[in-house]
PDB file of N, CA and C in Angstrom:
ATOM      1  N   UNK A   1     124.992 -49.950 125.039  1.00  0.00           N
ATOM      2  CA  UNK A   1     123.955 -48.972 125.001  1.00  0.00           C
ATOM      3  C   UNK A   1     124.433 -47.838 124.045  1.00  0.00           C
ATOM      4  N   UNK A   2     123.473 -47.313 123.347  1.00  0.00           N
ATOM      5  CA  UNK A   2     123.710 -46.179 122.427  1.00  0.00           C
ATOM      6  C   UNK A   2     122.927 -44.948 122.827  1.00  0.00           C
ATOM      7  N   UNK A   3     123.465 -43.853 122.595  1.00  0.00           N
ATOM      8  CA  UNK A   3     122.756 -42.566 122.982  1.00  0.00           C
ATOM      9  C   UNK A   3     122.925 -41.543 121.868  1.00  0.00           C
ATOM     10  N   UNK A   4     121.896 -40.950 121.546  1.00  0.00           N
ATOM     11  CA  UNK A   4     121.886 -39.808 120.520  1.00  0.00           C
ATOM     12  C   UNK A   4     121.174 -38.688 121.188  1.00  0.00           C
ATOM     13  N   UNK A   5     121.871 -37.531 121.378  1.00  0.00           N
ATOM     14  CA  UNK A   5     121.260 -36.431 122.063  1.00  0.00           C
ATOM     15  C   UNK A   5     121.539 -35.171 121.231  1.00  0.00           C
ATOM     16  N   UNK A   6     120.558 -34.252 121.362  1.00  0.00           N
ATOM     17  CA  UNK A   6     120.747 -32.972 120.736  1.00  0.00           C
ATOM     18  C   UNK A   6     121.600 -32.053 121.568  1.00  0.00           C
ATOM     19  N   UNK A   7     122.665 -31.542 121.027  1.00  0.00           N
ATOM     20  CA  UNK A   7     123.574 -30.669 121.771  1.00  0.00           C
ATOM     21  C   UNK A   7     123.433 -29.164 121.373  1.00  0.00           C
ATOM     22  N   UNK A   8     122.628 -28.870 120.403  1.00  0.00           N
ATOM     23  CA  UNK A   8     122.451 -27.562 119.924  1.00  0.00           C
ATOM     24  C   UNK A   8     121.567 -27.629 118.653  1.00  0.00           C
ATOM     25  N   UNK A   9     121.207 -26.489 118.113  1.00  0.00           N
ATOM     26  CA  UNK A   9     120.403 -26.516 116.918  1.00  0.00           C
ATOM     27  C   UNK A   9     121.138 -27.202 115.784  1.00  0.00           C
ATOM     28  N   UNK A  10     120.586 -28.280 115.298  1.00  0.00           N
ATOM     29  CA  UNK A  10     121.167 -29.014 114.186  1.00  0.00           C
ATOM     30  C   UNK A  10     122.427 -29.833 114.570  1.00  0.00           C
ATOM     31  N   UNK A  11     122.675 -29.990 115.814  1.00  0.00           N
ATOM     32  CA  UNK A  11     123.791 -30.748 116.322  1.00  0.00           C
ATOM     33  C   UNK A  11     123.360 -31.879 117.207  1.00  0.00           C
ATOM     34  N   UNK A  12     123.914 -33.071 116.904  1.00  0.00           N
ATOM     35  CA  UNK A  12     123.631 -34.280 117.676  1.00  0.00           C
ATOM     36  C   UNK A  12     124.915 -34.897 118.076  1.00  0.00           C
ATOM     37  N   UNK A  13     124.930 -35.530 119.252  1.00  0.00           N
ATOM     38  CA  UNK A  13     126.138 -36.319 119.718  1.00  0.00           C
ATOM     39  C   UNK A  13     125.695 -37.770 119.831  1.00  0.00           C
ATOM     40  N   UNK A  14     126.510 -38.595 119.243  1.00  0.00           N
ATOM     41  CA  UNK A  14     126.265 -40.065 119.267  1.00  0.00           C
ATOM     42  C   UNK A  14     127.355 -40.693 120.180  1.00  0.00           C
ATOM     43  N   UNK A  15     126.893 -41.479 121.116  1.00  0.00           N
ATOM     44  CA  UNK A  15     127.846 -42.100 122.084  1.00  0.00           C
ATOM     45  C   UNK A  15     127.372 -43.496 122.425  1.00  0.00           C
ATOM     46  N   UNK A  16     128.421 -44.248 122.921  1.00  0.00           N
ATOM     47  CA  UNK A  16     128.143 -45.621 123.337  1.00  0.00           C
ATOM     48  C   UNK A  16     128.606 -46.597 122.265  1.00  0.00           C
ATOM     49  N   UNK A  17     127.936 -47.742 122.135  1.00  0.00           N
ATOM     50  CA  UNK A  17     128.314 -48.702 121.146  1.00  0.00           C
ATOM     51  C   UNK A  17     127.216 -48.817 120.124  1.00  0.00           C
ATOM     52  N   UNK A  18     127.615 -48.702 118.859  1.00  0.00           N
ATOM     53  CA  UNK A  18     126.677 -48.813 117.763  1.00  0.00           C
ATOM     54  C   UNK A  18     126.997 -50.104 116.968  1.00  0.00           C
ATOM     55  N   UNK A  19     126.166 -51.088 117.213  1.00  0.00           N
ATOM     56  CA  UNK A  19     126.366 -52.411 116.622  1.00  0.00           C
ATOM     57  C   UNK A  19     125.019 -53.025 116.272  1.00  0.00           C
ATOM     58  N   UNK A  20     125.025 -54.269 115.932  1.00  0.00           N
ATOM     59  CA  UNK A  20     123.758 -54.943 115.538  1.00  0.00           C
ATOM     60  C   UNK A  20     122.711 -54.878 116.593  1.00  0.00           C
ATOM     61  N   UNK A  21     123.106 -54.907 117.835  1.00  0.00           N
ATOM     62  CA  UNK A  21     122.148 -54.869 118.952  1.00  0.00           C
ATOM     63  C   UNK A  21     121.497 -53.508 119.203  1.00  0.00           C
ATOM     64  N   UNK A  22     122.166 -52.425 118.777  1.00  0.00           N
ATOM     65  CA  UNK A  22     121.719 -51.075 119.076  1.00  0.00           C
ATOM     66  C   UNK A  22     121.351 -50.273 117.803  1.00  0.00           C
ATOM     67  N   UNK A  23     121.606 -50.854 116.668  1.00  0.00           N
ATOM     68  CA  UNK A  23     121.436 -50.116 115.385  1.00  0.00           C
ATOM     69  C   UNK A  23     119.993 -49.632 115.168  1.00  0.00           C
ATOM     70  N   UNK A  24     119.057 -50.486 115.455  1.00  0.00           N
ATOM     71  CA  UNK A  24     117.623 -50.139 115.240  1.00  0.00           C
ATOM     72  C   UNK A  24     117.214 -48.914 116.101  1.00  0.00           C
ATOM     73  N   UNK A  25     117.636 -48.938 117.362  1.00  0.00           N
ATOM     74  CA  UNK A  25     117.303 -47.851 118.290  1.00  0.00           C
ATOM     75  C   UNK A  25     117.978 -46.556 117.837  1.00  0.00           C
ATOM     76  N   UNK A  26     119.214 -46.636 117.431  1.00  0.00           N
ATOM     77  CA  UNK A  26     120.003 -45.497 116.984  1.00  0.00           C
ATOM     78  C   UNK A  26     119.361 -44.947 115.666  1.00  0.00           C
ATOM     79  N   UNK A  27     119.056 -45.817 114.763  1.00  0.00           N
ATOM     80  CA  UNK A  27     118.453 -45.420 113.488  1.00  0.00           C
ATOM     81  C   UNK A  27     117.172 -44.643 113.721  1.00  0.00           C
ATOM     82  N   UNK A  28     116.252 -45.245 114.531  1.00  0.00           N
ATOM     83  CA  UNK A  28     115.013 -44.633 114.767  1.00  0.00           C
ATOM     84  C   UNK A  28     115.159 -43.317 115.481  1.00  0.00           C
ATOM     85  N   UNK A  29     116.096 -43.166 116.421  1.00  0.00           N
ATOM     86  CA  UNK A  29     116.308 -41.938 117.087  1.00  0.00           C
ATOM     87  C   UNK A  29     116.770 -40.856 116.139  1.00  0.00           C
ATOM     88  N   UNK A  30     117.663 -41.218 115.274  1.00  0.00           N
ATOM     89  CA  UNK A  30     118.163 -40.243 114.261  1.00  0.00           C
ATOM     90  C   UNK A  30     117.049 -39.768 113.356  1.00  0.00           C
ATOM     91  N   UNK A  31     116.206 -40.745 112.855  1.00  0.00           N
ATOM     92  CA  UNK A  31     115.128 -40.337 111.960  1.00  0.00           C
ATOM     93  C   UNK A  31     114.159 -39.412 112.694  1.00  0.00           C
ATOM     94  N   UNK A  32     113.892 -39.605 113.963  1.00  0.00           N
ATOM     95  CA  UNK A  32     113.031 -38.732 114.711  1.00  0.00           C
ATOM     96  C   UNK A  32     113.596 -37.327 114.795  1.00  0.00           C
ATOM     97  N   UNK A  33     114.882 -37.213 115.048  1.00  0.00           N
ATOM     98  CA  UNK A  33     115.470 -35.888 115.154  1.00  0.00           C
ATOM     99  C   UNK A  33     115.372 -35.201 113.763  1.00  0.00           C
ATOM    100  N   UNK A  34     115.742 -35.898 112.714  1.00  0.00           N
ATOM    101  CA  UNK A  34     115.760 -35.344 111.376  1.00  0.00           C
ATOM    102  C   UNK A  34     114.386 -34.946 110.935  1.00  0.00           C
ATOM    103  N   UNK A  35     113.389 -35.662 111.252  1.00  0.00           N
ATOM    104  CA  UNK A  35     111.999 -35.337 110.891  1.00  0.00           C
ATOM    105  C   UNK A  35     111.359 -34.252 111.669  1.00  0.00           C
ATOM    106  N   UNK A  36     111.728 -34.104 112.936  1.00  0.00           N
ATOM    107  CA  UNK A  36     111.022 -33.101 113.818  1.00  0.00           C
ATOM    108  C   UNK A  36     111.952 -32.106 114.384  1.00  0.00           C
ATOM    109  N   UNK A  37     113.254 -32.143 114.139  1.00  0.00           N
ATOM    110  CA  UNK A  37     114.206 -31.231 114.714  1.00  0.00           C
ATOM    111  C   UNK A  37     114.187 -29.793 114.191  1.00  0.00           C
ATOM    112  N   UNK A  38     113.615 -29.634 113.012  1.00  0.00           N
ATOM    113  CA  UNK A  38     113.498 -28.253 112.445  1.00  0.00           C
ATOM    114  C   UNK A  38     114.696 -27.773 111.722  1.00  0.00           C
ATOM    115  N   UNK A  39     115.794 -28.456 111.782  1.00  0.00           N
ATOM    116  CA  UNK A  39     117.015 -28.013 111.068  1.00  0.00           C
ATOM    117  C   UNK A  39     117.106 -28.658 109.673  1.00  0.00           C
ATOM    118  N   UNK A  40     117.747 -27.943 108.788  1.00  0.00           N
ATOM    119  CA  UNK A  40     118.014 -28.468 107.443  1.00  0.00           C
ATOM    120  C   UNK A  40     119.471 -28.913 107.337  1.00  0.00           C
ATOM    121  N   UNK A  41     120.364 -28.307 108.199  1.00  0.00           N
ATOM    122  CA  UNK A  41     121.693 -28.710 108.207  1.00  0.00           C
ATOM    123  C   UNK A  41     122.010 -29.386 109.564  1.00  0.00           C
ATOM    124  N   UNK A  42     122.531 -30.542 109.438  1.00  0.00           N
ATOM    125  CA  UNK A  42     122.860 -31.360 110.625  1.00  0.00           C
ATOM    126  C   UNK A  42     124.287 -31.726 110.791  1.00  0.00           C
ATOM    127  N   UNK A  43     124.765 -31.794 111.984  1.00  0.00           N
ATOM    128  CA  UNK A  43     126.131 -32.332 112.270  1.00  0.00           C
ATOM    129  C   UNK A  43     125.961 -33.366 113.342  1.00  0.00           C
ATOM    130  N   UNK A  44     126.543 -34.572 113.171  1.00  0.00           N
ATOM    131  CA  UNK A  44     126.451 -35.607 114.205  1.00  0.00           C
ATOM    132  C   UNK A  44     127.881 -35.806 114.615  1.00  0.00           C
ATOM    133  N   UNK A  45     128.149 -35.551 115.911  1.00  0.00           N
ATOM    134  CA  UNK A  45     129.448 -35.742 116.535  1.00  0.00           C
ATOM    135  C   UNK A  45     129.584 -37.196 116.980  1.00  0.00           C
ATOM    136  N   UNK A  46     130.515 -37.881 116.366  1.00  0.00           N
ATOM    137  CA  UNK A  46     130.674 -39.298 116.709  1.00  0.00           C
ATOM    138  C   UNK A  46     131.883 -39.586 117.616  1.00  0.00           C
ATOM    139  N   UNK A  47     132.384 -38.539 118.238  1.00  0.00           N
ATOM    140  CA  UNK A  47     133.575 -38.680 119.113  1.00  0.00           C
ATOM    141  C   UNK A  47     133.267 -39.628 120.317  1.00  0.00           C
ATOM    142  N   UNK A  48     131.998 -39.751 120.780  1.00  0.00           N
ATOM    143  CA  UNK A  48     131.611 -40.576 121.872  1.00  0.00           C
ATOM    144  C   UNK A  48     131.426 -42.058 121.525  1.00  0.00           C
ATOM    145  N   UNK A  49     131.517 -42.422 120.256  1.00  0.00           N
ATOM    146  CA  UNK A  49     131.353 -43.790 119.888  1.00  0.00           C
ATOM    147  C   UNK A  49     132.449 -44.630 120.463  1.00  0.00           C
ATOM    148  N   UNK A  50     132.101 -45.526 121.329  1.00  0.00           N
ATOM    149  CA  UNK A  50     133.117 -46.368 121.980  1.00  0.00           C
ATOM    150  C   UNK A  50     133.400 -47.700 121.192  1.00  0.00           C
ATOM    151  N   UNK A  51     132.405 -48.111 120.477  1.00  0.00           N
ATOM    152  CA  UNK A  51     132.586 -49.318 119.629  1.00  0.00           C
ATOM    153  C   UNK A  51     131.562 -49.231 118.463  1.00  0.00           C
ATOM    154  N   UNK A  52     131.965 -49.861 117.392  1.00  0.00           N
ATOM    155  CA  UNK A  52     131.081 -49.803 116.224  1.00  0.00           C
ATOM    156  C   UNK A  52     131.465 -50.981 115.269  1.00  0.00           C
ATOM    157  N   UNK A  53     130.487 -51.403 114.457  1.00  0.00           N
ATOM    158  CA  UNK A  53     130.757 -52.392 113.416  1.00  0.00           C
ATOM    159  C   UNK A  53     130.057 -52.000 112.177  1.00  0.00           C
ATOM    160  N   UNK A  54     129.879 -52.920 111.278  1.00  0.00           N
ATOM    161  CA  UNK A  54     129.276 -52.561 109.960  1.00  0.00           C
ATOM    162  C   UNK A  54     127.844 -52.063 110.157  1.00  0.00           C
ATOM    163  N   UNK A  55     127.169 -52.474 111.200  1.00  0.00           N
ATOM    164  CA  UNK A  55     125.788 -51.866 111.414  1.00  0.00           C
ATOM    165  C   UNK A  55     125.891 -50.394 111.602  1.00  0.00           C
ATOM    166  N   UNK A  56     126.935 -49.882 112.246  1.00  0.00           N
ATOM    167  CA  UNK A  56     127.097 -48.442 112.423  1.00  0.00           C
ATOM    168  C   UNK A  56     127.212 -47.745 111.031  1.00  0.00           C
ATOM    169  N   UNK A  57     128.013 -48.348 110.170  1.00  0.00           N
ATOM    170  CA  UNK A  57     128.125 -47.742 108.808  1.00  0.00           C
ATOM    171  C   UNK A  57     126.758 -47.728 108.119  1.00  0.00           C
ATOM    172  N   UNK A  58     125.997 -48.761 108.244  1.00  0.00           N
ATOM    173  CA  UNK A  58     124.704 -48.853 107.590  1.00  0.00           C
ATOM    174  C   UNK A  58     123.782 -47.743 108.176  1.00  0.00           C
ATOM    175  N   UNK A  59     123.766 -47.555 109.480  1.00  0.00           N
ATOM    176  CA  UNK A  59     122.933 -46.513 110.090  1.00  0.00           C
ATOM    177  C   UNK A  59     123.336 -45.110 109.597  1.00  0.00           C
ATOM    178  N   UNK A  60     124.628 -44.835 109.565  1.00  0.00           N
ATOM    179  CA  UNK A  60     125.114 -43.538 109.171  1.00  0.00           C
ATOM    180  C   UNK A  60     124.797 -43.293 107.707  1.00  0.00           C
ATOM    181  N   UNK A  61     124.981 -44.271 106.879  1.00  0.00           N
ATOM    182  CA  UNK A  61     124.637 -44.104 105.466  1.00  0.00           C
ATOM    183  C   UNK A  61     123.189 -43.885 105.213  1.00  0.00           C
ATOM    184  N   UNK A  62     122.308 -44.546 105.978  1.00  0.00           N
ATOM    185  CA  UNK A  62     120.945 -44.384 105.798  1.00  0.00           C
ATOM    186  C   UNK A  62     120.514 -42.953 106.324  1.00  0.00           C
ATOM    187  N   UNK A  63     121.092 -42.513 107.363  1.00  0.00           N
ATOM    188  CA  UNK A  63     120.804 -41.115 107.802  1.00  0.00           C
ATOM    189  C   UNK A  63     121.197 -40.109 106.774  1.00  0.00           C
ATOM    190  N   UNK A  64     122.336 -40.319 106.065  1.00  0.00           N
ATOM    191  CA  UNK A  64     122.751 -39.432 104.958  1.00  0.00           C
ATOM    192  C   UNK A  64     121.661 -39.399 103.871  1.00  0.00           C
ATOM    193  N   UNK A  65     121.222 -40.584 103.537  1.00  0.00           N
ATOM    194  CA  UNK A  65     120.215 -40.732 102.441  1.00  0.00           C
ATOM    195  C   UNK A  65     118.899 -40.040 102.814  1.00  0.00           C
ATOM    196  N   UNK A  66     118.431 -40.246 104.044  1.00  0.00           N
ATOM    197  CA  UNK A  66     117.206 -39.660 104.469  1.00  0.00           C
ATOM    198  C   UNK A  66     117.290 -38.124 104.503  1.00  0.00           C
ATOM    199  N   UNK A  67     118.345 -37.578 105.052  1.00  0.00           N
ATOM    200  CA  UNK A  67     118.518 -36.124 105.093  1.00  0.00           C
ATOM    201  C   UNK A  67     118.639 -35.587 103.684  1.00  0.00           C
ATOM    202  N   UNK A  68     119.394 -36.212 102.848  1.00  0.00           N
ATOM    203  CA  UNK A  68     119.624 -35.790 101.526  1.00  0.00           C
ATOM    204  C   UNK A  68     118.251 -35.746 100.723  1.00  0.00           C
ATOM    205  N   UNK A  69     117.508 -36.821 100.848  1.00  0.00           N
ATOM    206  CA  UNK A  69     116.185 -36.865 100.172  1.00  0.00           C
ATOM    207  C   UNK A  69     115.270 -35.750 100.643  1.00  0.00           C
ATOM    208  N   UNK A  70     115.403 -35.378 101.894  1.00  0.00           N
ATOM    209  CA  UNK A  70     114.576 -34.261 102.466  1.00  0.00           C
ATOM    210  C   UNK A  70     115.076 -32.874 102.036  1.00  0.00           C
ATOM    211  N   UNK A  71     116.182 -32.825 101.274  1.00  0.00           N
ATOM    212  CA  UNK A  71     116.745 -31.611 100.866  1.00  0.00           C
ATOM    213  C   UNK A  71     117.650 -30.925 101.847  1.00  0.00           C
ATOM    214  N   UNK A  72     118.076 -31.723 102.864  1.00  0.00           N
ATOM    215  CA  UNK A  72     118.982 -31.165 103.881  1.00  0.00           C
ATOM    216  C   UNK A  72     120.442 -31.561 103.644  1.00  0.00           C
ATOM    217  N   UNK A  73     121.244 -31.217 104.636  1.00  0.00           N
ATOM    218  CA  UNK A  73     122.668 -31.608 104.590  1.00  0.00           C
ATOM    219  C   UNK A  73     122.988 -32.252 105.964  1.00  0.00           C
ATOM    220  N   UNK A  74     123.856 -33.241 105.845  1.00  0.00           N
ATOM    221  CA  UNK A  74     124.354 -33.951 107.032  1.00  0.00           C
ATOM    222  C   UNK A  74     125.840 -34.214 106.912  1.00  0.00           C
ATOM    223  N   UNK A  75     126.543 -33.985 107.979  1.00  0.00           N
ATOM    224  CA  UNK A  75     127.967 -34.347 108.086  1.00  0.00           C
ATOM    225  C   UNK A  75     128.266 -34.958 109.393  1.00  0.00           C
ATOM    226  N   UNK A  76     129.316 -35.709 109.451  1.00  0.00           N
ATOM    227  CA  UNK A  76     129.757 -36.452 110.668  1.00  0.00           C
ATOM    228  C   UNK A  76     131.097 -35.869 111.096  1.00  0.00           C
ATOM    229  N   UNK A  77     131.270 -35.705 112.376  1.00  0.00           N
ATOM    230  CA  UNK A  77     132.538 -35.300 112.967  1.00  0.00           C
ATOM    231  C   UNK A  77     133.053 -36.460 113.869  1.00  0.00           C
ATOM    232  N   UNK A  78     134.343 -36.636 113.948  1.00  0.00           N
ATOM    233  CA  UNK A  78     134.951 -37.581 114.851  1.00  0.00           C
ATOM    234  C   UNK A  78     134.659 -39.013 114.599  1.00  0.00           C
ATOM    235  N   UNK A  79     134.520 -39.413 113.288  1.00  0.00           N
ATOM    236  CA  UNK A  79     134.283 -40.818 112.999  1.00  0.00           C
ATOM    237  C   UNK A  79     135.433 -41.705 113.549  1.00  0.00           C
ATOM    238  N   UNK A  80     135.054 -42.719 114.326  1.00  0.00           N
ATOM    239  CA  UNK A  80     136.157 -43.609 114.879  1.00  0.00           C
ATOM    240  C   UNK A  80     136.846 -44.322 113.718  1.00  0.00           C
ATOM    241  N   UNK A  81     138.057 -44.643 113.977  1.00  0.00           N
ATOM    242  CA  UNK A  81     138.872 -45.342 112.969  1.00  0.00           C
ATOM    243  C   UNK A  81     138.230 -46.623 112.460  1.00  0.00           C
ATOM    244  N   UNK A  82     137.623 -47.381 113.432  1.00  0.00           N
ATOM    245  CA  UNK A  82     136.931 -48.615 113.037  1.00  0.00           C
ATOM    246  C   UNK A  82     135.846 -48.370 111.975  1.00  0.00           C
ATOM    247  N   UNK A  83     135.066 -47.322 112.142  1.00  0.00           N
ATOM    248  CA  UNK A  83     134.020 -46.966 111.166  1.00  0.00           C
ATOM    249  C   UNK A  83     134.626 -46.589 109.848  1.00  0.00           C
ATOM    250  N   UNK A  84     135.729 -45.792 109.881  1.00  0.00           N
ATOM    251  CA  UNK A  84     136.374 -45.371 108.698  1.00  0.00           C
ATOM    252  C   UNK A  84     136.961 -46.592 107.928  1.00  0.00           C
ATOM    253  N   UNK A  85     137.508 -47.594 108.698  1.00  0.00           N
ATOM    254  CA  UNK A  85     138.067 -48.800 108.051  1.00  0.00           C
ATOM    255  C   UNK A  85     136.936 -49.600 107.378  1.00  0.00           C
ATOM    256  N   UNK A  86     135.865 -49.764 108.042  1.00  0.00           N
ATOM    257  CA  UNK A  86     134.745 -50.504 107.406  1.00  0.00           C
ATOM    258  C   UNK A  86     134.201 -49.790 106.174  1.00  0.00           C
ATOM    259  N   UNK A  87     134.111 -48.456 106.321  1.00  0.00           N
ATOM    260  CA  UNK A  87     133.636 -47.656 105.154  1.00  0.00           C
ATOM    261  C   UNK A  87     134.622 -47.714 104.049  1.00  0.00           C
ATOM    262  N   UNK A  88     135.917 -47.754 104.331  1.00  0.00           N
ATOM    263  CA  UNK A  88     136.927 -47.860 103.295  1.00  0.00           C
ATOM    264  C   UNK A  88     136.808 -49.165 102.499  1.00  0.00           C
ATOM    265  N   UNK A  89     136.613 -50.245 103.217  1.00  0.00           N
ATOM    266  CA  UNK A  89     136.403 -51.538 102.548  1.00  0.00           C
ATOM    267  C   UNK A  89     135.188 -51.504 101.650  1.00  0.00           C
ATOM    268  N   UNK A  90     134.137 -50.776 102.060  1.00  0.00           N
ATOM    269  CA  UNK A  90     132.906 -50.727 101.254  1.00  0.00           C
ATOM    270  C   UNK A  90     132.960 -49.577 100.282  1.00  0.00           C
ATOM    271  N   UNK A  91     134.037 -48.835 100.198  1.00  0.00           N
ATOM    272  CA  UNK A  91     134.262 -47.702  99.291  1.00  0.00           C
ATOM    273  C   UNK A  91     133.239 -46.629  99.517  1.00  0.00           C
ATOM    274  N   UNK A  92     132.870 -46.379 100.771  1.00  0.00           N
ATOM    275  CA  UNK A  92     131.942 -45.262 101.112  1.00  0.00           C
ATOM    276  C   UNK A  92     132.565 -44.300 102.078  1.00  0.00           C
ATOM    277  N   UNK A  93     133.843 -44.484 102.306  1.00  0.00           N
ATOM    278  CA  UNK A  93     134.552 -43.657 103.293  1.00  0.00           C
ATOM    279  C   UNK A  93     134.464 -42.149 102.988  1.00  0.00           C
ATOM    280  N   UNK A  94     134.685 -41.799 101.702  1.00  0.00           N
ATOM    281  CA  UNK A  94     134.544 -40.399 101.322  1.00  0.00           C
ATOM    282  C   UNK A  94     133.188 -39.809 101.550  1.00  0.00           C
ATOM    283  N   UNK A  95     132.106 -40.602 101.274  1.00  0.00           N
ATOM    284  CA  UNK A  95     130.812 -40.191 101.524  1.00  0.00           C
ATOM    285  C   UNK A  95     130.597 -39.862 103.047  1.00  0.00           C
ATOM    286  N   UNK A  96     131.070 -40.705 103.898  1.00  0.00           N
ATOM    287  CA  UNK A  96     130.883 -40.503 105.350  1.00  0.00           C
ATOM    288  C   UNK A  96     131.657 -39.294 105.810  1.00  0.00           C
ATOM    289  N   UNK A  97     132.883 -39.106 105.175  1.00  0.00           N
ATOM    290  CA  UNK A  97     133.709 -37.984 105.630  1.00  0.00           C
ATOM    291  C   UNK A  97     133.236 -36.634 105.115  1.00  0.00           C
ATOM    292  N   UNK A  98     132.633 -36.623 103.929  1.00  0.00           N
ATOM    293  CA  UNK A  98     132.238 -35.290 103.375  1.00  0.00           C
ATOM    294  C   UNK A  98     130.710 -34.973 103.640  1.00  0.00           C
ATOM    295  N   UNK A  99     129.974 -36.096 103.845  1.00  0.00           N
ATOM    296  CA  UNK A  99     128.487 -35.889 104.084  1.00  0.00           C
ATOM    297  C   UNK A  99     127.798 -35.494 102.804  1.00  0.00           C
ATOM    298  N   UNK A 100     126.617 -35.120 102.936  1.00  0.00           N
ATOM    299  CA  UNK A 100     125.784 -34.715 101.781  1.00  0.00           C
ATOM    300  C   UNK A 100     125.122 -33.387 102.104  1.00  0.00           C
TER     301      UNK A 100
END
């Protein structure tokens, strides 16, 4: 199960397992927050991610692209080592670490 909740203005917390089975739900939840949340600067706290695979990296990268295209900024906190490792293999680790 994956959960994305607003913890403050422009702040979201991502928790649970983000994998192929939960990626679509997480992706759509993020898009809804970014479209209707009213913030231009976003931070997603990933400390609660218990498990993740390459689908997690795809979701996070797409969120970055969507927020960037809308003229906003997005950064991630507490990226799990597994996500960093997958991002490193794909050479997008710096993008996830610095955000847009």
